[in-house]
Amino acid sequence: MNAPIRDWAEVREIRRAADETWWVELDSPAIAGRARPGQFVMVGLGVEQVAAPFLPRPFSVGLAGPDRTVGLLLREFGAGTRRLARLRDGDRVLLLGPLGQAFSVSSDRPVVCIAGGVGLAPFLFLAAEQRKLGRQVRLLYGERTADRVFSSELIEELTGVAPIIYTEDGSAGHQGLVLAGIRPEEEPALLACGPTPMLQAVARLAIEHGLPLQVSVEEHMGCGIGTCQGCVVRSASGEWIKSCTEGPVFDARELSWPT
């Protein structure tokens, strides 16, 4: 595996896409040229802007554009992401990546993506690539309320795919959980990224119906390269494995899912 790239990247564009949610495009040709859907980058401010919180934050690569930009989906969860949300065009951030394992997509099957919250990010990248290859993509996307839904117009602009949206309260799209959009008897295989409870539910459904499933887990990370061991998940054999290096994308059968 190639060593990750350390790159000072300039913010080319940052725009609000939903409540406390931003789409950020960074100028990083080296990382954009190597990144694959499902991989991530660590984003920090380096020692040039020393201030708390100091540790970088992991973000799925949401786009590796033809103009060699890296796109990220940023939602404000805490002090670190709030600080990054205050970036402006021309600011610089320190990227490390691309990191982790990517999704593996068969060329002879339609792609079915199940996204919860910011788990949408890797599927923006994946859907855009698959559509360029002329392959069918179905994107199921769930949020709690309408104000959290990432702009459907921007999704179509980035991917060429119209998302099928679910909100828990029915304030946008279909009412209910995103799992309601899965058609077990028709799906050839599933890809999922989102909060752990959502992944657990998708895994149970896939196991029940014998469907292949790849999941991208969302775990806290301090380094992204396997040193801090803060992102471990339990494997099906009971061992703890690092999601930053052995994941974040796993075959769902490799992981332990509570029953």
C-alpha atoms as a PDB file:
ATOM      1  CA  MET A   1       0.000   0.000   0.000  1.00  0.00           C
ATOM      2  CA  ASN A   2       1.242   3.480  -0.848  1.00  0.00           C
ATOM      3  CA  ALA A   3       2.256   5.737   2.008  1.00  0.00           C
ATOM      4  CA  PRO A   4      -0.320   8.464   2.748  1.00  0.00           C
ATOM      5  CA  ILE A   5       0.292  11.939   1.402  1.00  0.00           C
ATOM      6  CA  ARG A   6       0.724  14.929   3.709  1.00  0.00           C
ATOM      7  CA  ASP A   7      -0.544  18.015   1.929  1.00  0.00           C
ATOM      8  CA  TRP A   8      -1.356  21.621   2.791  1.00  0.00           C
ATOM      9  CA  ALA A   9      -4.576  22.150   0.851  1.00  0.00           C
ATOM     10  CA  GLU A  10      -6.289  25.444   0.088  1.00  0.00           C
ATOM     11  CA  VAL A  11     -10.041  25.806   0.515  1.00  0.00           C
ATOM     12  CA  ARG A  12     -11.472  26.421  -2.955  1.00  0.00           C
ATOM     13  CA  GLU A  13     -15.099  26.533  -1.880  1.00  0.00           C
ATOM     14  CA  ILE A  14     -17.169  26.074   1.266  1.00  0.00           C
ATOM     15  CA  ARG A  15     -20.941  26.275   1.122  1.00  0.00           C
ATOM     16  CA  ARG A  16     -23.781  25.513   3.466  1.00  0.00           C
ATOM     17  CA  ALA A  17     -25.691  22.400   2.401  1.00  0.00           C
ATOM     18  CA  ALA A  18     -28.023  21.853   5.400  1.00  0.00           C
ATOM     19  CA  ASP A  19     -28.387  22.887   9.035  1.00  0.00           C
ATOM     20  CA  GLU A  20     -24.872  22.909  10.551  1.00  0.00           C
ATOM     21  CA  THR A  21     -23.673  21.035   7.462  1.00  0.00           C
ATOM     22  CA  TRP A  22     -21.156  22.225   4.891  1.00  0.00           C
ATOM     23  CA  TRP A  23     -19.704  21.072   1.603  1.00  0.00           C
ATOM     24  CA  VAL A  24     -15.990  21.841   1.377  1.00  0.00           C
ATOM     25  CA  GLU A  25     -13.780  21.546  -1.702  1.00  0.00           C
ATOM     26  CA  LEU A  26     -10.019  21.545  -1.208  1.00  0.00           C
ATOM     27  CA  ASP A  27      -7.199  21.919  -3.708  1.00  0.00           C
ATOM     28  CA  SER A  28      -5.199  18.698  -3.329  1.00  0.00           C
ATOM     29  CA  PRO A  29      -4.252  17.134  -6.685  1.00  0.00           C
ATOM     30  CA  ALA A  30      -1.999  14.460  -5.163  1.00  0.00           C
ATOM     31  CA  ILE A  31      -4.656  13.088  -2.802  1.00  0.00           C
ATOM     32  CA  ALA A  32      -7.493  13.488  -5.315  1.00  0.00           C
ATOM     33  CA  GLY A  33      -5.530  11.488  -7.861  1.00  0.00           C
ATOM     34  CA  ARG A  34      -5.151   8.516  -5.560  1.00  0.00           C
ATOM     35  CA  ALA A  35      -8.329   8.453  -3.432  1.00  0.00           C
ATOM     36  CA  ARG A  36     -10.984   5.757  -3.859  1.00  0.00           C
ATOM     37  CA  PRO A  37     -14.609   5.750  -2.603  1.00  0.00           C
ATOM     38  CA  GLY A  38     -14.691   4.654   1.031  1.00  0.00           C
ATOM     39  CA  GLN A  39     -11.254   6.026   1.912  1.00  0.00           C
ATOM     40  CA  PHE A  40     -10.811   9.017   4.202  1.00  0.00           C
ATOM     41  CA  VAL A  41      -8.474  11.873   5.063  1.00  0.00           C
ATOM     42  CA  MET A  42      -7.415  13.330   8.390  1.00  0.00           C
ATOM     43  CA  VAL A  43      -8.000  17.096   8.432  1.00  0.00           C
ATOM     44  CA  GLY A  44      -6.131  19.391  10.805  1.00  0.00           C
ATOM     45  CA  LEU A  45      -4.701  22.857  11.107  1.00  0.00           C
ATOM     46  CA  GLY A  46      -1.126  21.869  11.913  1.00  0.00           C
ATOM     47  CA  VAL A  47       1.260  23.759  14.143  1.00  0.00           C
ATOM     48  CA  GLU A  48       0.803  26.954  12.136  1.00  0.00           C
ATOM     49  CA  GLN A  49      -2.489  27.520  13.951  1.00  0.00           C
ATOM     50  CA  VAL A  50      -1.959  25.993  17.359  1.00  0.00           C
ATOM     51  CA  ALA A  51      -5.170  26.109  19.359  1.00  0.00           C
ATOM     52  CA  ALA A  52      -7.521  23.667  20.991  1.00  0.00           C
ATOM     53  CA  PRO A  53      -8.746  21.263  19.772  1.00  0.00           C
ATOM     54  CA  PHE A  54      -5.409  20.209  18.326  1.00  0.00           C
ATOM     55  CA  LEU A  55      -6.049  16.678  17.010  1.00  0.00           C
ATOM     56  CA  PRO A  56      -7.117  16.309  13.363  1.00  0.00           C
ATOM     57  CA  ARG A  57     -10.526  14.911  12.418  1.00  0.00           C
ATOM     58  CA  PRO A  58     -11.334  12.065   9.981  1.00  0.00           C
ATOM     59  CA  PHE A  59     -13.567  12.745   6.966  1.00  0.00           C
ATOM     60  CA  SER A  60     -14.662  10.383   4.214  1.00  0.00           C
ATOM     61  CA  VAL A  61     -13.584  11.554   0.783  1.00  0.00           C
ATOM     62  CA  GLY A  62     -16.839  12.787  -0.751  1.00  0.00           C
ATOM     63  CA  LEU A  63     -15.370  13.650  -4.129  1.00  0.00           C
ATOM     64  CA  ALA A  64     -12.109  13.479  -6.031  1.00  0.00           C
ATOM     65  CA  GLY A  65     -12.963  15.926  -8.782  1.00  0.00           C
ATOM     66  CA  PRO A  66     -11.674  16.091 -12.350  1.00  0.00           C
ATOM     67  CA  ASP A  67     -10.066  19.399 -11.426  1.00  0.00           C
ATOM     68  CA  ARG A  68      -8.151  17.470  -8.720  1.00  0.00           C
ATOM     69  CA  THR A  69     -10.167  18.755  -5.807  1.00  0.00           C
ATOM     70  CA  VAL A  70     -11.075  16.778  -2.701  1.00  0.00           C
ATOM     71  CA  GLY A  71     -14.647  17.233  -1.499  1.00  0.00           C
ATOM     72  CA  LEU A  72     -15.665  16.737   2.133  1.00  0.00           C
ATOM     73  CA  LEU A  73     -19.031  16.701   3.890  1.00  0.00           C
ATOM     74  CA  LEU A  74     -18.624  18.540   7.201  1.00  0.00           C
ATOM     75  CA  ARG A  75     -21.225  18.537   9.962  1.00  0.00           C
ATOM     76  CA  GLU A  76     -20.744  20.425  13.218  1.00  0.00           C
ATOM     77  CA  PHE A  77     -20.617  17.905  16.064  1.00  0.00           C
ATOM     78  CA  GLY A  78     -18.154  19.512  18.490  1.00  0.00           C
ATOM     79  CA  ALA A  79     -15.455  22.125  18.913  1.00  0.00           C
ATOM     80  CA  GLY A  80     -13.190  20.668  16.232  1.00  0.00           C
ATOM     81  CA  THR A  81     -15.784  20.505  13.482  1.00  0.00           C
ATOM     82  CA  ARG A  82     -17.217  23.895  14.468  1.00  0.00           C
ATOM     83  CA  ARG A  83     -13.773  25.383  14.006  1.00  0.00           C
ATOM     84  CA  LEU A  84     -13.406  23.754  10.590  1.00  0.00           C
ATOM     85  CA  ALA A  85     -16.848  25.055   9.605  1.00  0.00           C
ATOM     86  CA  ARG A  86     -15.466  28.590  10.044  1.00  0.00           C
ATOM     87  CA  LEU A  87     -12.984  28.064   7.216  1.00  0.00           C
ATOM     88  CA  ARG A  88     -13.229  30.447   4.292  1.00  0.00           C
ATOM     89  CA  ASP A  89     -12.077  30.365   0.675  1.00  0.00           C
ATOM     90  CA  GLY A  90      -8.295  30.647   0.556  1.00  0.00           C
ATOM     91  CA  ASP A  91      -7.681  29.206   4.039  1.00  0.00           C
ATOM     92  CA  ARG A  92      -5.381  26.196   4.288  1.00  0.00           C
ATOM     93  CA  VAL A  93      -5.777  22.900   6.110  1.00  0.00           C
ATOM     94  CA  LEU A  94      -3.386  20.016   6.582  1.00  0.00           C
ATOM     95  CA  LEU A  95      -4.546  16.766   4.968  1.00  0.00           C
ATOM     96  CA  LEU A  96      -3.200  13.261   5.489  1.00  0.00           C
ATOM     97  CA  GLY A  97      -4.468  10.625   3.123  1.00  0.00           C
ATOM     98  CA  PRO A  98      -5.943   8.854   1.384  1.00  0.00           C
ATOM     99  CA  LEU A  99      -6.293   6.388   4.264  1.00  0.00           C
ATOM    100  CA  GLY A 100      -8.067   3.089   4.862  1.00  0.00           C
ATOM    101  CA  GLN A 101      -9.752   0.528   2.653  1.00  0.00           C
ATOM    102  CA  ALA A 102     -12.160   1.419  -0.139  1.00  0.00           C
ATOM    103  CA  PHE A 103     -15.440  -0.125  -1.262  1.00  0.00           C
ATOM    104  CA  SER A 104     -15.172  -2.971  -3.745  1.00  0.00           C
ATOM    105  CA  VAL A 105     -17.849  -2.721  -6.438  1.00  0.00           C
ATOM    106  CA  SER A 106     -18.617  -5.411  -8.998  1.00  0.00           C
ATOM    107  CA  SER A 107     -18.882  -4.144 -12.546  1.00  0.00           C
ATOM    108  CA  ASP A 108     -21.836  -6.392 -13.410  1.00  0.00           C
ATOM    109  CA  ARG A 109     -24.189  -5.393 -10.583  1.00  0.00           C
ATOM    110  CA  PRO A 110     -26.278  -2.291  -9.918  1.00  0.00           C
ATOM    111  CA  VAL A 111     -25.032  -0.323  -6.925  1.00  0.00           C
ATOM    112  CA  VAL A 112     -27.359   0.117  -3.926  1.00  0.00           C
ATOM    113  CA  CYS A 113     -26.071   2.631  -1.368  1.00  0.00           C
ATOM    114  CA  ILE A 114     -27.650   3.152   2.071  1.00  0.00           C
ATOM    115  CA  ALA A 115     -26.556   6.370   3.772  1.00  0.00           C
ATOM    116  CA  GLY A 116     -27.404   7.718   7.207  1.00  0.00           C
ATOM    117  CA  GLY A 117     -26.444  11.302   8.048  1.00  0.00           C
ATOM    118  CA  VAL A 118     -22.877  12.165   7.066  1.00  0.00           C
ATOM    119  CA  GLY A 119     -22.552   8.551   5.954  1.00  0.00           C
ATOM    120  CA  LEU A 120     -23.707  10.074   2.679  1.00  0.00           C
ATOM    121  CA  ALA A 121     -20.177  11.338   1.950  1.00  0.00           C
ATOM    122  CA  PRO A 122     -18.482   8.227   0.460  1.00  0.00           C
ATOM    123  CA  PHE A 123     -21.529   7.553  -1.697  1.00  0.00           C
ATOM    124  CA  LEU A 124     -21.323  10.974  -3.328  1.00  0.00           C
ATOM    125  CA  PHE A 125     -17.886   9.913  -4.569  1.00  0.00           C
ATOM    126  CA  LEU A 126     -18.931   6.355  -5.420  1.00  0.00           C
ATOM    127  CA  ALA A 127     -22.138   7.332  -7.220  1.00  0.00           C
ATOM    128  CA  ALA A 128     -20.333   9.929  -9.329  1.00  0.00           C
ATOM    129  CA  GLU A 129     -17.737   7.360 -10.414  1.00  0.00           C
ATOM    130  CA  GLN A 130     -20.293   4.662 -11.159  1.00  0.00           C
ATOM    131  CA  ARG A 131     -22.469   6.997 -13.210  1.00  0.00           C
ATOM    132  CA  LYS A 132     -19.457   8.011 -15.299  1.00  0.00           C
ATOM    133  CA  LEU A 133     -19.018   4.312 -16.092  1.00  0.00           C
ATOM    134  CA  GLY A 134     -22.656   4.056 -17.146  1.00  0.00           C
ATOM    135  CA  ARG A 135     -23.701   1.906 -14.196  1.00  0.00           C
ATOM    136  CA  GLN A 136     -26.994   2.071 -12.340  1.00  0.00           C
ATOM    137  CA  VAL A 137     -26.937   3.553  -8.838  1.00  0.00           C
ATOM    138  CA  ARG A 138     -29.723   3.690  -6.259  1.00  0.00           C
ATOM    139  CA  LEU A 139     -28.992   6.013  -3.345  1.00  0.00           C
ATOM    140  CA  LEU A 140     -31.101   5.709  -0.191  1.00  0.00           C
ATOM    141  CA  TYR A 141     -30.429   8.560   2.214  1.00  0.00           C
ATOM    142  CA  GLY A 142     -31.874   9.035   5.691  1.00  0.00           C
ATOM    143  CA  GLU A 143     -31.906  11.884   8.212  1.00  0.00           C
ATOM    144  CA  ARG A 144     -33.977  12.670  11.296  1.00  0.00           C
ATOM    145  CA  THR A 145     -35.541  15.908  10.040  1.00  0.00           C
ATOM    146  CA  ALA A 146     -35.721  18.009   6.877  1.00  0.00           C
ATOM    147  CA  ASP A 147     -33.332  20.671   8.160  1.00  0.00           C
ATOM    148  CA  ARG A 148     -30.559  18.044   8.297  1.00  0.00           C
ATOM    149  CA  VAL A 149     -31.038  16.785   4.748  1.00  0.00           C
ATOM    150  CA  PHE A 150     -28.058  17.543   2.544  1.00  0.00           C
ATOM    151  CA  SER A 151     -29.214  19.538  -0.483  1.00  0.00           C
ATOM    152  CA  SER A 152     -30.767  17.092  -2.975  1.00  0.00           C
ATOM    153  CA  GLU A 153     -29.941  19.549  -5.755  1.00  0.00           C
ATOM    154  CA  LEU A 154     -26.280  19.475  -4.750  1.00  0.00           C
ATOM    155  CA  ILE A 155     -26.317  15.659  -4.576  1.00  0.00           C
ATOM    156  CA  GLU A 156     -27.595  15.513  -8.150  1.00  0.00           C
ATOM    157  CA  GLU A 157     -25.060  18.133  -9.224  1.00  0.00           C
ATOM    158  CA  LEU A 158     -22.196  16.121  -7.752  1.00  0.00           C
ATOM    159  CA  THR A 159     -23.339  12.631  -8.729  1.00  0.00           C
ATOM    160  CA  GLY A 160     -25.979  12.703 -11.444  1.00  0.00           C
ATOM    161  CA  VAL A 161     -28.160  10.595  -9.135  1.00  0.00           C
ATOM    162  CA  ALA A 162     -31.471  11.659  -7.570  1.00  0.00           C
ATOM    163  CA  PRO A 163     -31.431  10.445  -3.941  1.00  0.00           C
ATOM    164  CA  ILE A 164     -34.373   8.648  -2.355  1.00  0.00           C
ATOM    165  CA  ILE A 165     -34.760  10.564   0.903  1.00  0.00           C
ATOM    166  CA  TYR A 166     -36.214   9.352   4.201  1.00  0.00           C
ATOM    167  CA  THR A 167     -36.773  11.397   7.343  1.00  0.00           C
ATOM    168  CA  GLU A 168     -37.908   9.956  10.650  1.00  0.00           C
ATOM    169  CA  ASP A 169     -40.607  12.612  11.112  1.00  0.00           C
ATOM    170  CA  GLY A 170     -41.676  12.742   7.458  1.00  0.00           C
ATOM    171  CA  SER A 171     -40.704  16.395   7.057  1.00  0.00           C
ATOM    172  CA  ALA A 172     -38.827  15.606   3.817  1.00  0.00           C
ATOM    173  CA  GLY A 173     -39.074  12.733   1.395  1.00  0.00           C
ATOM    174  CA  HIS A 174     -40.575   9.501   2.716  1.00  0.00           C
ATOM    175  CA  GLN A 175     -41.449   9.102   6.386  1.00  0.00           C
ATOM    176  CA  GLY A 176     -39.548   6.441   8.297  1.00  0.00           C
ATOM    177  CA  LEU A 177     -36.102   4.923   8.543  1.00  0.00           C
ATOM    178  CA  VAL A 178     -33.914   4.592   5.487  1.00  0.00           C
ATOM    179  CA  LEU A 179     -34.090   0.797   5.796  1.00  0.00           C
ATOM    180  CA  ALA A 180     -37.648   1.030   4.498  1.00  0.00           C
ATOM    181  CA  GLY A 181     -36.207   1.677   1.038  1.00  0.00           C
ATOM    182  CA  ILE A 182     -34.366  -1.636   0.859  1.00  0.00           C
ATOM    183  CA  ARG A 183     -36.005  -4.267  -1.369  1.00  0.00           C
ATOM    184  CA  PRO A 184     -34.488  -7.520  -0.059  1.00  0.00           C
ATOM    185  CA  GLU A 185     -35.902  -9.712  -2.811  1.00  0.00           C
ATOM    186  CA  GLU A 186     -34.493  -7.461  -5.542  1.00  0.00           C
ATOM    187  CA  GLU A 187     -31.171  -6.156  -4.229  1.00  0.00           C
ATOM    188  CA  PRO A 188     -28.043  -7.850  -5.615  1.00  0.00           C
ATOM    189  CA  ALA A 189     -25.771  -6.396  -2.926  1.00  0.00           C
ATOM    190  CA  LEU A 190     -25.716  -3.532  -0.449  1.00  0.00           C
ATOM    191  CA  LEU A 191     -23.266  -0.829   0.611  1.00  0.00           C
ATOM    192  CA  ALA A 192     -23.939   1.096   3.832  1.00  0.00           C
ATOM    193  CA  CYS A 193     -22.394   3.938   5.805  1.00  0.00           C
ATOM    194  CA  GLY A 194     -23.860   5.716   8.809  1.00  0.00           C
ATOM    195  CA  PRO A 195     -24.354   5.522  12.571  1.00  0.00           C
ATOM    196  CA  THR A 196     -23.692   2.167  14.239  1.00  0.00           C
ATOM    197  CA  PRO A 197     -27.371   1.430  15.058  1.00  0.00           C
ATOM    198  CA  MET A 198     -28.242   1.867  11.382  1.00  0.00           C
ATOM    199  CA  LEU A 199     -25.402  -0.414  10.298  1.00  0.00           C
ATOM    200  CA  GLN A 200     -26.513  -3.033  12.819  1.00  0.00           C
ATOM    201  CA  ALA A 201     -30.038  -2.963  11.431  1.00  0.00           C
ATOM    202  CA  VAL A 202     -28.836  -3.215   7.831  1.00  0.00           C
ATOM    203  CA  ALA A 203     -26.506  -6.079   8.784  1.00  0.00           C
ATOM    204  CA  ARG A 204     -29.340  -8.009  10.424  1.00  0.00           C
ATOM    205  CA  LEU A 205     -31.488  -7.550   7.319  1.00  0.00           C
ATOM    206  CA  ALA A 206     -28.663  -8.600   4.983  1.00  0.00           C
ATOM    207  CA  ILE A 207     -27.897 -11.705   7.046  1.00  0.00           C
ATOM    208  CA  GLU A 208     -31.583 -12.661   7.188  1.00  0.00           C
ATOM    209  CA  HIS A 209     -31.931 -12.442   3.405  1.00  0.00           C
ATOM    210  CA  GLY A 210     -28.460 -13.691   2.465  1.00  0.00           C
ATOM    211  CA  LEU A 211     -27.434 -10.410   0.843  1.00  0.00           C
ATOM    212  CA  PRO A 212     -23.788  -9.366   0.409  1.00  0.00           C
ATOM    213  CA  LEU A 213     -23.124  -6.217   2.435  1.00  0.00           C
ATOM    214  CA  GLN A 214     -20.153  -3.901   2.805  1.00  0.00           C
ATOM    215  CA  VAL A 215     -20.237  -1.363   5.616  1.00  0.00           C
ATOM    216  CA  SER A 216     -18.164   1.719   6.304  1.00  0.00           C
ATOM    217  CA  VAL A 217     -18.000   2.232  10.064  1.00  0.00           C
ATOM    218  CA  GLU A 218     -17.923   5.628  11.782  1.00  0.00           C
ATOM    219  CA  GLU A 219     -15.449   5.558  14.674  1.00  0.00           C
ATOM    220  CA  HIS A 220     -13.541   8.263  16.534  1.00  0.00           C
ATOM    221  CA  MET A 221      -9.920   8.514  15.394  1.00  0.00           C
ATOM    222  CA  GLY A 222      -6.925  10.361  16.739  1.00  0.00           C
ATOM    223  CA  CYS A 223      -4.329   9.484  14.136  1.00  0.00           C
ATOM    224  CA  GLY A 224      -5.875   7.571  11.215  1.00  0.00           C
ATOM    225  CA  ILE A 225      -2.791   5.382  10.745  1.00  0.00           C
ATOM    226  CA  GLY A 226      -3.177   2.665  13.384  1.00  0.00           C
ATOM    227  CA  THR A 227      -1.060   4.150  16.163  1.00  0.00           C
ATOM    228  CA  CYS A 228      -3.553   5.453  18.726  1.00  0.00           C
ATOM    229  CA  GLN A 229      -5.904   2.412  18.540  1.00  0.00           C
ATOM    230  CA  GLY A 230      -8.874   4.611  19.376  1.00  0.00           C
ATOM    231  CA  CYS A 231     -11.020   3.345  16.490  1.00  0.00           C
ATOM    232  CA  VAL A 232     -11.176  -0.385  17.165  1.00  0.00           C
ATOM    233  CA  VAL A 233     -14.231  -2.500  16.344  1.00  0.00           C
ATOM    234  CA  ARG A 234     -14.941  -6.096  17.306  1.00  0.00           C
ATOM    235  CA  SER A 235     -14.518  -8.736  14.626  1.00  0.00           C
ATOM    236  CA  ALA A 236     -16.777 -11.746  14.148  1.00  0.00           C
ATOM    237  CA  SER A 237     -14.098 -13.872  15.851  1.00  0.00           C
ATOM    238  CA  GLY A 238     -14.137 -11.583  18.910  1.00  0.00           C
ATOM    239  CA  GLU A 239     -10.854  -9.812  18.253  1.00  0.00           C
ATOM    240  CA  TRP A 240     -10.455  -6.041  18.255  1.00  0.00           C
ATOM    241  CA  ILE A 241      -9.378  -4.632  14.880  1.00  0.00           C
ATOM    242  CA  LYS A 242      -8.451  -1.111  13.805  1.00  0.00           C
ATOM    243  CA  SER A 243     -11.033   0.512  11.574  1.00  0.00           C
ATOM    244  CA  CYS A 244      -8.546   3.099  10.284  1.00  0.00           C
ATOM    245  CA  THR A 245      -6.225   0.553   8.674  1.00  0.00           C
ATOM    246  CA  GLU A 246      -8.271  -2.644   8.252  1.00  0.00           C
ATOM    247  CA  GLY A 247     -11.401  -0.602   7.458  1.00  0.00           C
ATOM    248  CA  PRO A 248     -13.266   1.660   7.525  1.00  0.00           C
ATOM    249  CA  VAL A 249     -14.912  -0.522   4.869  1.00  0.00           C
ATOM    250  CA  PHE A 250     -15.565  -4.118   5.909  1.00  0.00           C
ATOM    251  CA  ASP A 251     -17.519  -7.053   4.628  1.00  0.00           C
ATOM    252  CA  ALA A 252     -20.325  -7.104   7.189  1.00  0.00           C
ATOM    253  CA  ARG A 253     -19.603 -10.781   7.894  1.00  0.00           C
ATOM    254  CA  GLU A 254     -16.188  -9.815   9.273  1.00  0.00           C
ATOM    255  CA  LEU A 255     -17.697  -7.859  12.174  1.00  0.00           C
ATOM    256  CA  SER A 256     -19.621  -8.756  15.324  1.00  0.00           C
ATOM    257  CA  TRP A 257     -23.211  -7.469  15.318  1.00  0.00           C
ATOM    258  CA  PRO A 258     -25.295  -7.558  18.526  1.00  0.00           C
ATOM    259  CA  THR A 259     -28.415  -9.700  18.186  1.00  0.00           C
END
